[in-house]
Amino acid sequence: MKTILYTIQFIVVIGLLILILMQPSKADGLKGFMTGTQETFFNKNKSKTREAKLVKWTVIFTILFALNTILIGVLL
C-alpha cells in the first residue's frame, strides 16, 4: 500500500511540475501597462484557450496532490 501511494505521489508531482512550467509568464512589464484592458476586451473565448486548460489541469493535479498527501499522512 505504501509503495502504491508513493508512486501515485511521484507521478502527480511530476505532472504538476510540468503543468506549472508550461504556463506562460504573467510578467508583461511595460506591455501590460500600455495595452491595459485591451487583451481582456478582445479575448472573449477565455475559457477555451490553452492557458485556461492548463490552469484547470493544474488545479486538478493540485487537489490530487493534497488528497494523496493527506492519505499518506493518515494511513502511514
N, C-alpha and C. Protein backbone atom coordinates (compact mmCIF):
# COMPACT_ATOMS: atom_id res chain seq x y z
N MET A 1 0.82 -1.19 0.00
CA MET A 1 0.00 0.00 0.00
C MET A 1 0.87 1.26 0.00
N LYS A 2 1.94 1.20 0.80
CA LYS A 2 2.83 2.35 0.90
C LYS A 2 3.50 2.64 -0.44
N THR A 3 3.92 1.61 -1.13
CA THR A 3 4.59 1.79 -2.42
C THR A 3 3.64 2.37 -3.46
N ILE A 4 2.40 1.94 -3.44
CA ILE A 4 1.41 2.45 -4.40
C ILE A 4 1.16 3.94 -4.16
N LEU A 5 0.99 4.34 -2.89
CA LEU A 5 0.74 5.74 -2.59
C LEU A 5 1.93 6.62 -2.95
N TYR A 6 3.14 6.13 -2.67
CA TYR A 6 4.33 6.91 -3.03
C TYR A 6 4.50 7.01 -4.56
N THR A 7 4.15 5.96 -5.28
CA THR A 7 4.23 6.00 -6.74
C THR A 7 3.23 6.99 -7.32
N ILE A 8 2.01 6.97 -6.79
CA ILE A 8 1.00 7.94 -7.23
C ILE A 8 1.45 9.36 -6.91
N GLN A 9 2.03 9.56 -5.73
CA GLN A 9 2.50 10.89 -5.35
C GLN A 9 3.61 11.36 -6.29
N PHE A 10 4.51 10.48 -6.66
CA PHE A 10 5.60 10.83 -7.57
C PHE A 10 5.05 11.23 -8.94
N ILE A 11 4.11 10.48 -9.46
CA ILE A 11 3.52 10.78 -10.77
C ILE A 11 2.78 12.11 -10.73
N VAL A 12 2.03 12.35 -9.66
CA VAL A 12 1.28 13.61 -9.53
C VAL A 12 2.24 14.80 -9.42
N VAL A 13 3.32 14.65 -8.67
CA VAL A 13 4.29 15.74 -8.51
C VAL A 13 4.96 16.06 -9.85
N ILE A 14 5.36 15.05 -10.58
CA ILE A 14 5.99 15.28 -11.89
C ILE A 14 5.01 15.96 -12.83
N GLY A 15 3.76 15.50 -12.85
CA GLY A 15 2.74 16.13 -13.69
C GLY A 15 2.48 17.57 -13.30
N LEU A 16 2.44 17.84 -12.00
CA LEU A 16 2.22 19.20 -11.51
C LEU A 16 3.37 20.12 -11.88
N LEU A 17 4.58 19.64 -11.76
CA LEU A 17 5.74 20.45 -12.16
C LEU A 17 5.71 20.78 -13.65
N ILE A 18 5.37 19.80 -14.47
CA ILE A 18 5.30 20.03 -15.92
C ILE A 18 4.21 21.04 -16.25
N LEU A 19 3.05 20.91 -15.61
CA LEU A 19 1.96 21.84 -15.87
C LEU A 19 2.31 23.26 -15.44
N ILE A 20 2.97 23.41 -14.31
CA ILE A 20 3.35 24.75 -13.84
C ILE A 20 4.39 25.36 -14.77
N LEU A 21 5.34 24.58 -15.22
CA LEU A 21 6.37 25.11 -16.10
C LEU A 21 5.85 25.44 -17.50
N MET A 22 4.76 24.82 -17.93
CA MET A 22 4.20 25.09 -19.24
C MET A 22 3.37 26.37 -19.29
N GLN A 23 2.98 26.90 -18.13
CA GLN A 23 2.14 28.09 -18.11
C GLN A 23 2.95 29.33 -18.49
N PRO A 24 2.33 30.24 -19.22
CA PRO A 24 3.04 31.45 -19.63
C PRO A 24 3.27 32.39 -18.45
N SER A 25 4.27 33.22 -18.60
CA SER A 25 4.60 34.18 -17.55
C SER A 25 3.56 35.30 -17.51
N LYS A 26 3.24 35.77 -16.32
CA LYS A 26 2.29 36.86 -16.17
C LYS A 26 2.98 38.22 -16.14
N ALA A 27 4.29 38.23 -16.12
CA ALA A 27 5.04 39.48 -16.06
C ALA A 27 5.19 40.06 -17.46
N ASP A 28 4.35 41.02 -17.79
CA ASP A 28 4.39 41.64 -19.11
C ASP A 28 5.28 42.87 -19.14
N GLY A 29 5.62 43.37 -18.00
CA GLY A 29 6.43 44.58 -17.97
C GLY A 29 5.62 45.78 -18.44
N LEU A 30 6.20 46.58 -19.32
CA LEU A 30 5.51 47.77 -19.82
C LEU A 30 4.42 47.43 -20.82
N LYS A 31 4.48 46.26 -21.42
CA LYS A 31 3.45 45.87 -22.38
C LYS A 31 2.07 45.84 -21.71
N GLY A 32 1.98 45.27 -20.52
CA GLY A 32 0.72 45.22 -19.80
C GLY A 32 0.24 46.60 -19.39
N PHE A 33 1.18 47.49 -19.12
CA PHE A 33 0.82 48.86 -18.74
C PHE A 33 0.27 49.63 -19.93
N MET A 34 0.86 49.42 -21.09
CA MET A 34 0.46 50.18 -22.28
C MET A 34 -0.86 49.68 -22.86
N THR A 35 -1.06 48.36 -22.89
CA THR A 35 -2.28 47.82 -23.51
C THR A 35 -3.47 47.91 -22.57
N GLY A 36 -3.23 47.76 -21.29
CA GLY A 36 -4.32 47.87 -20.32
C GLY A 36 -5.35 46.78 -20.46
N THR A 37 -6.60 47.15 -20.65
CA THR A 37 -7.69 46.16 -20.70
C THR A 37 -7.97 45.68 -22.11
N GLN A 38 -7.15 46.03 -23.06
CA GLN A 38 -7.38 45.61 -24.44
C GLN A 38 -7.43 44.10 -24.58
N GLU A 39 -6.53 43.40 -23.91
CA GLU A 39 -6.48 41.94 -24.04
C GLU A 39 -7.75 41.30 -23.52
N THR A 40 -8.28 41.77 -22.41
CA THR A 40 -9.49 41.16 -21.86
C THR A 40 -10.72 41.51 -22.70
N PHE A 41 -10.72 42.68 -23.35
CA PHE A 41 -11.86 43.07 -24.17
C PHE A 41 -11.95 42.24 -25.44
N PHE A 42 -10.82 42.02 -26.11
CA PHE A 42 -10.84 41.31 -27.38
C PHE A 42 -10.77 39.79 -27.23
N ASN A 43 -10.40 39.29 -26.08
CA ASN A 43 -10.27 37.86 -25.88
C ASN A 43 -11.51 37.34 -25.15
N LYS A 44 -12.61 37.14 -25.90
CA LYS A 44 -13.88 36.73 -25.29
C LYS A 44 -13.93 35.24 -24.98
N ASN A 45 -13.24 34.41 -25.74
CA ASN A 45 -13.25 32.96 -25.52
C ASN A 45 -12.12 32.56 -24.59
N LYS A 46 -12.09 33.16 -23.42
CA LYS A 46 -11.01 32.93 -22.47
C LYS A 46 -11.04 31.50 -21.93
N SER A 47 -12.21 30.88 -21.86
CA SER A 47 -12.30 29.55 -21.28
C SER A 47 -11.81 28.46 -22.21
N LYS A 48 -11.64 28.76 -23.49
CA LYS A 48 -11.22 27.74 -24.45
C LYS A 48 -9.75 27.86 -24.85
N THR A 49 -9.03 28.76 -24.22
CA THR A 49 -7.64 28.95 -24.58
C THR A 49 -6.77 27.88 -23.93
N ARG A 50 -5.56 27.81 -24.42
CA ARG A 50 -4.58 26.86 -23.89
C ARG A 50 -4.27 27.17 -22.43
N GLU A 51 -4.18 28.45 -22.11
CA GLU A 51 -3.86 28.84 -20.74
C GLU A 51 -4.96 28.42 -19.77
N ALA A 52 -6.20 28.55 -20.19
CA ALA A 52 -7.32 28.16 -19.32
C ALA A 52 -7.31 26.65 -19.06
N LYS A 53 -6.99 25.88 -20.08
CA LYS A 53 -6.91 24.43 -19.91
C LYS A 53 -5.76 24.05 -18.98
N LEU A 54 -4.63 24.75 -19.12
CA LEU A 54 -3.50 24.48 -18.23
C LEU A 54 -3.84 24.82 -16.79
N VAL A 55 -4.56 25.91 -16.58
CA VAL A 55 -4.96 26.29 -15.22
C VAL A 55 -5.91 25.24 -14.64
N LYS A 56 -6.85 24.77 -15.46
CA LYS A 56 -7.81 23.76 -14.99
C LYS A 56 -7.09 22.47 -14.58
N TRP A 57 -6.14 22.02 -15.41
CA TRP A 57 -5.41 20.80 -15.10
C TRP A 57 -4.47 21.00 -13.91
N THR A 58 -3.94 22.20 -13.75
CA THR A 58 -3.09 22.48 -12.59
C THR A 58 -3.90 22.40 -11.30
N VAL A 59 -5.12 22.92 -11.33
CA VAL A 59 -5.99 22.83 -10.14
C VAL A 59 -6.32 21.37 -9.83
N ILE A 60 -6.62 20.59 -10.85
CA ILE A 60 -6.93 19.17 -10.64
C ILE A 60 -5.74 18.44 -10.04
N PHE A 61 -4.55 18.66 -10.59
CA PHE A 61 -3.37 17.98 -10.07
C PHE A 61 -3.01 18.46 -8.66
N THR A 62 -3.29 19.73 -8.35
CA THR A 62 -3.03 20.24 -7.01
C THR A 62 -3.96 19.59 -6.00
N ILE A 63 -5.22 19.41 -6.36
CA ILE A 63 -6.16 18.74 -5.47
C ILE A 63 -5.76 17.28 -5.27
N LEU A 64 -5.35 16.60 -6.36
CA LEU A 64 -4.88 15.22 -6.23
C LEU A 64 -3.66 15.14 -5.32
N PHE A 65 -2.75 16.10 -5.47
CA PHE A 65 -1.55 16.14 -4.63
C PHE A 65 -1.92 16.30 -3.15
N ALA A 66 -2.84 17.21 -2.86
CA ALA A 66 -3.24 17.45 -1.48
C ALA A 66 -3.94 16.23 -0.88
N LEU A 67 -4.85 15.65 -1.64
CA LEU A 67 -5.58 14.47 -1.13
C LEU A 67 -4.65 13.28 -0.91
N ASN A 68 -3.73 13.08 -1.84
CA ASN A 68 -2.79 11.96 -1.69
C ASN A 68 -1.84 12.20 -0.52
N THR A 69 -1.43 13.44 -0.30
CA THR A 69 -0.56 13.75 0.83
C THR A 69 -1.28 13.50 2.15
N ILE A 70 -2.55 13.90 2.22
CA ILE A 70 -3.34 13.66 3.43
C ILE A 70 -3.52 12.16 3.65
N LEU A 71 -3.78 11.43 2.57
CA LEU A 71 -3.95 9.99 2.66
C LEU A 71 -2.68 9.30 3.15
N ILE A 72 -1.53 9.73 2.64
CA ILE A 72 -0.26 9.18 3.09
C ILE A 72 -0.05 9.49 4.57
N GLY A 73 -0.36 10.70 4.99
CA GLY A 73 -0.19 11.08 6.40
C GLY A 73 -1.09 10.31 7.35
N VAL A 74 -2.32 10.04 6.91
CA VAL A 74 -3.27 9.35 7.78
C VAL A 74 -2.99 7.84 7.84
N LEU A 75 -2.71 7.24 6.71
CA LEU A 75 -2.56 5.80 6.66
C LEU A 75 -1.18 5.30 7.10
N LEU A 76 -0.17 6.11 6.93
CA LEU A 76 1.18 5.61 7.22
C LEU A 76 1.79 6.20 8.44
